[in-house]
Amino acid sequence: MAYKDPKFSLYRSKDGAILGGVCSGLSESLKIDVTIIRILFLIPLLVFGTGALAYIVCWIVFPEKETY
């Protein structure tokens, strides 16, 4: 069984999500404003065209936030 640090984990969050919840989940995990995270995905998209690929990979890899 893998060890999970309860203080930090990456996940997707549906709270405040626009598309897949990657940016909102990252902002909750890193305790950064979601707008900054969205800008950090947007800059590589506009400059290099890789922001969308990074977002899609994160969408596939990050699990959805467990809500009880």
N, C-alpha and C. Protein backbone atom coordinates (compact mmCIF):
# COMPACT_ATOMS: atom_id res chain seq x y z
N MET A 1 0.85 -1.18 0.00
CA MET A 1 0.00 0.00 0.00
C MET A 1 0.88 1.23 0.00
N ALA A 2 0.56 2.18 -0.84
CA ALA A 2 1.36 3.40 -0.97
C ALA A 2 1.05 4.37 0.16
N TYR A 3 2.08 5.07 0.59
CA TYR A 3 1.92 6.07 1.64
C TYR A 3 1.39 7.35 1.04
N LYS A 4 0.37 7.91 1.63
CA LYS A 4 -0.19 9.19 1.19
C LYS A 4 0.00 10.21 2.29
N ASP A 5 0.65 11.30 1.94
CA ASP A 5 0.84 12.40 2.89
C ASP A 5 -0.49 13.13 3.02
N PRO A 6 -1.11 13.16 4.19
CA PRO A 6 -2.41 13.81 4.33
C PRO A 6 -2.35 15.33 4.16
N LYS A 7 -1.16 15.91 4.25
CA LYS A 7 -1.05 17.36 4.14
C LYS A 7 -1.04 17.82 2.69
N PHE A 8 -0.55 16.98 1.76
CA PHE A 8 -0.39 17.41 0.38
C PHE A 8 -0.74 16.28 -0.56
N SER A 9 -1.66 16.53 -1.45
CA SER A 9 -1.97 15.60 -2.53
C SER A 9 -2.53 16.40 -3.70
N LEU A 10 -2.25 15.93 -4.89
CA LEU A 10 -2.75 16.57 -6.09
C LEU A 10 -4.04 15.88 -6.52
N TYR A 11 -5.03 16.67 -6.87
CA TYR A 11 -6.31 16.12 -7.28
C TYR A 11 -7.06 17.14 -8.11
N ARG A 12 -8.15 16.68 -8.73
CA ARG A 12 -9.05 17.58 -9.45
C ARG A 12 -10.21 17.90 -8.53
N SER A 13 -10.68 19.13 -8.58
CA SER A 13 -11.78 19.54 -7.72
C SER A 13 -12.90 20.12 -8.57
N LYS A 14 -14.11 19.69 -8.29
CA LYS A 14 -15.27 20.22 -9.01
C LYS A 14 -15.75 21.55 -8.44
N ASP A 15 -15.26 21.93 -7.26
CA ASP A 15 -15.63 23.21 -6.67
C ASP A 15 -14.92 24.33 -7.42
N GLY A 16 -15.66 25.13 -8.15
CA GLY A 16 -15.08 26.24 -8.90
C GLY A 16 -14.45 25.81 -10.21
N ALA A 17 -14.70 24.61 -10.65
CA ALA A 17 -14.11 24.10 -11.88
C ALA A 17 -14.80 24.70 -13.10
N ILE A 18 -14.02 24.96 -14.13
CA ILE A 18 -14.58 25.44 -15.39
C ILE A 18 -14.62 24.30 -16.40
N LEU A 19 -13.51 23.56 -16.52
CA LEU A 19 -13.47 22.47 -17.49
C LEU A 19 -13.37 21.12 -16.79
N GLY A 20 -12.20 20.78 -16.31
CA GLY A 20 -12.01 19.47 -15.69
C GLY A 20 -11.69 19.51 -14.22
N GLY A 21 -11.47 20.69 -13.67
CA GLY A 21 -11.17 20.81 -12.25
C GLY A 21 -9.70 20.74 -11.90
N VAL A 22 -8.83 20.70 -12.93
CA VAL A 22 -7.39 20.61 -12.68
C VAL A 22 -6.89 21.87 -11.99
N CYS A 23 -7.21 23.03 -12.51
CA CYS A 23 -6.72 24.29 -11.94
C CYS A 23 -7.28 24.53 -10.54
N SER A 24 -8.54 24.24 -10.34
CA SER A 24 -9.11 24.44 -9.00
C SER A 24 -8.53 23.46 -7.99
N GLY A 25 -8.25 22.24 -8.42
CA GLY A 25 -7.62 21.26 -7.53
C GLY A 25 -6.19 21.65 -7.20
N LEU A 26 -5.44 22.12 -8.21
CA LEU A 26 -4.07 22.58 -7.95
C LEU A 26 -4.06 23.78 -7.02
N SER A 27 -5.00 24.69 -7.20
CA SER A 27 -5.02 25.88 -6.35
C SER A 27 -5.34 25.51 -4.89
N GLU A 28 -6.21 24.52 -4.70
CA GLU A 28 -6.50 24.06 -3.33
C GLU A 28 -5.29 23.36 -2.72
N SER A 29 -4.62 22.53 -3.52
CA SER A 29 -3.46 21.79 -3.01
C SER A 29 -2.29 22.71 -2.69
N LEU A 30 -2.03 23.66 -3.57
CA LEU A 30 -0.87 24.55 -3.42
C LEU A 30 -1.20 25.81 -2.62
N LYS A 31 -2.48 26.01 -2.32
CA LYS A 31 -2.94 27.20 -1.58
C LYS A 31 -2.55 28.48 -2.31
N ILE A 32 -2.84 28.49 -3.61
CA ILE A 32 -2.60 29.64 -4.48
C ILE A 32 -3.94 29.98 -5.14
N ASP A 33 -4.13 31.25 -5.47
CA ASP A 33 -5.36 31.68 -6.12
C ASP A 33 -5.53 30.94 -7.45
N VAL A 34 -6.73 30.50 -7.75
CA VAL A 34 -7.00 29.72 -8.96
C VAL A 34 -6.70 30.53 -10.22
N THR A 35 -6.84 31.84 -10.18
CA THR A 35 -6.55 32.68 -11.34
C THR A 35 -5.08 32.58 -11.73
N ILE A 36 -4.20 32.53 -10.77
CA ILE A 36 -2.76 32.41 -11.05
C ILE A 36 -2.47 31.07 -11.72
N ILE A 37 -3.08 30.01 -11.24
CA ILE A 37 -2.88 28.69 -11.84
C ILE A 37 -3.40 28.68 -13.28
N ARG A 38 -4.54 29.29 -13.51
CA ARG A 38 -5.10 29.33 -14.87
C ARG A 38 -4.20 30.12 -15.81
N ILE A 39 -3.63 31.21 -15.33
CA ILE A 39 -2.70 32.00 -16.14
C ILE A 39 -1.45 31.18 -16.45
N LEU A 40 -0.98 30.41 -15.46
CA LEU A 40 0.21 29.58 -15.68
C LEU A 40 -0.04 28.47 -16.70
N PHE A 41 -1.26 28.03 -16.88
CA PHE A 41 -1.59 27.10 -17.94
C PHE A 41 -1.81 27.83 -19.27
N LEU A 42 -2.30 29.05 -19.21
CA LEU A 42 -2.61 29.80 -20.42
C LEU A 42 -1.37 30.31 -21.15
N ILE A 43 -0.35 30.74 -20.41
CA ILE A 43 0.86 31.28 -21.03
C ILE A 43 1.53 30.25 -21.94
N PRO A 44 1.81 29.02 -21.47
CA PRO A 44 2.42 28.05 -22.38
C PRO A 44 1.50 27.68 -23.55
N LEU A 45 0.19 27.74 -23.34
CA LEU A 45 -0.74 27.45 -24.43
C LEU A 45 -0.58 28.48 -25.54
N LEU A 46 -0.51 29.74 -25.18
CA LEU A 46 -0.42 30.81 -26.18
C LEU A 46 0.97 30.90 -26.80
N VAL A 47 2.02 30.66 -26.02
CA VAL A 47 3.38 30.83 -26.52
C VAL A 47 3.88 29.59 -27.26
N PHE A 48 3.74 28.43 -26.64
CA PHE A 48 4.31 27.21 -27.21
C PHE A 48 3.27 26.21 -27.70
N GLY A 49 2.04 26.35 -27.25
CA GLY A 49 1.00 25.40 -27.63
C GLY A 49 1.00 24.15 -26.77
N THR A 50 1.74 24.15 -25.67
CA THR A 50 1.84 22.96 -24.83
C THR A 50 0.96 23.01 -23.58
N GLY A 51 0.37 24.13 -23.30
CA GLY A 51 -0.46 24.26 -22.10
C GLY A 51 -1.66 23.32 -22.13
N ALA A 52 -2.25 23.15 -23.30
CA ALA A 52 -3.41 22.26 -23.42
C ALA A 52 -2.99 20.81 -23.19
N LEU A 53 -1.83 20.43 -23.71
CA LEU A 53 -1.34 19.07 -23.51
C LEU A 53 -1.07 18.81 -22.03
N ALA A 54 -0.45 19.76 -21.35
CA ALA A 54 -0.18 19.62 -19.92
C ALA A 54 -1.48 19.51 -19.14
N TYR A 55 -2.48 20.30 -19.51
CA TYR A 55 -3.78 20.25 -18.83
C TYR A 55 -4.44 18.89 -19.02
N ILE A 56 -4.40 18.38 -20.23
CA ILE A 56 -5.03 17.09 -20.52
C ILE A 56 -4.33 15.96 -19.76
N VAL A 57 -3.00 16.01 -19.71
CA VAL A 57 -2.25 15.00 -18.96
C VAL A 57 -2.63 15.06 -17.47
N CYS A 58 -2.69 16.27 -16.92
CA CYS A 58 -3.08 16.42 -15.51
C CYS A 58 -4.51 15.92 -15.29
N TRP A 59 -5.39 16.19 -16.24
CA TRP A 59 -6.78 15.75 -16.14
C TRP A 59 -6.86 14.22 -16.07
N ILE A 60 -6.01 13.55 -16.84
CA ILE A 60 -6.01 12.09 -16.85
C ILE A 60 -5.35 11.52 -15.60
N VAL A 61 -4.24 12.14 -15.17
CA VAL A 61 -3.43 11.58 -14.09
C VAL A 61 -3.99 11.89 -12.70
N PHE A 62 -4.47 13.11 -12.48
CA PHE A 62 -4.94 13.50 -11.15
C PHE A 62 -6.28 12.85 -10.86
N PRO A 63 -6.42 12.25 -9.69
CA PRO A 63 -7.72 11.68 -9.33
C PRO A 63 -8.69 12.80 -8.91
N GLU A 64 -9.97 12.50 -9.01
CA GLU A 64 -10.97 13.47 -8.58
C GLU A 64 -10.99 13.52 -7.05
N LYS A 65 -11.23 14.71 -6.51
CA LYS A 65 -11.24 14.89 -5.06
C LYS A 65 -12.35 14.04 -4.45
N GLU A 66 -11.98 13.34 -3.39
CA GLU A 66 -12.96 12.51 -2.70
C GLU A 66 -13.77 13.38 -1.75
N THR A 67 -15.07 13.36 -1.91
CA THR A 67 -15.95 14.09 -1.01
C THR A 67 -16.84 13.09 -0.30
N TYR A 68 -17.00 13.29 0.97
CA TYR A 68 -17.79 12.36 1.78
C TYR A 68 -19.03 13.03 2.26
